[in-house]
């Protein structure tokens, strides 16, 4: 699977989770959507989202990564980077 297609699949899964959780239409969920401001997540919602990603994609995020995660695109990038690092170990 090429990198673009892999990113699109990951983003689709993340967008679906967000749509169910927030009732936001999936067409309005974009990579540039800010987790706190645009999706109206509070810090507990963000932690629940991160926990879901860790379980769903079998990755682990550091506290620094979680803090730096502002947009959905960044979240998906971090999942992809963690998956690639895990595969190469």
Foldseek 3Di string as FASTA:
>chain_A
DDPVVLLVVLLVVLLVVLCVVQVDPSVPADQAQFVCPRSVDDPVNLVVSQVCLCVVLVFDDDPVLSVPRTGNNSVSVVSVVRVVVVVVD
